[in-house]
Amino acid sequence: MRKEIVMGTVLLLPLLAAAADFTPLGLKPGLWESTVNMKTSGSPMANIPPEQRSQMEAAMANMPPERRAQMEAMMAGRGQPTVTKVCMTKESMSKALDFGAQQRKNCQVKVVSSSSTSQQVEMECAMDNNKLTGTMTFEALSPVSGRATIQMSQDGVPKMSMIVNTRYLGSDCGDVKPR
């Protein structure tokens, strides 16, 4: 179960989707570093049926190598902070954060509020016979730093919370592909 939740949330930070009535965050485009601290409730893998586990493994096999490595590092960390780098363009920063849900046909995303300093997004995904819901609030603390808080639930039961601290590294993204 943790893999499902982690897969849904790891994709959320760098991926973006268009939203009506939206104000972009006041952040600089370029290379960003995100430090993710995650807490889960219960034993994350104990309740995953074998067929769901194989579906998650298949989904990870289809991920780009960089994203798969990030996912594996986060799962191996079991609560240890995970640091990733993300290249954000002006175009990607002009859209709402969406948990990566727009890439899934079984997910719906709603921008609750947005301003140049704060953005709140809700999502809901149907996964087999379960419903995964989440709320993310991102604060632009300055043009070069930010903080996100994320709450995820499965079938109404809180399963995970995350705090993500971000910092701007520079305008050159180097080898990191834009989101």
Foldseek 3Di string as FASTA:
>chain_A
DVLVVLLLQLLQPQFFDADPPAAFALADFAKKKKKKFKDWPDDRPPPDPPVNVVVSVVVLVPDDPVSSVQSVVVVVCRRHIGMDMAGEDPVRRRGHGFSNCVVPPQKDKDWPDYDNFKTKMKMWGCDPPKIKIKIKMKGDPDNFKIKMWMWIDINPHTTMIMIMIMGHDDHYHPPHDHD
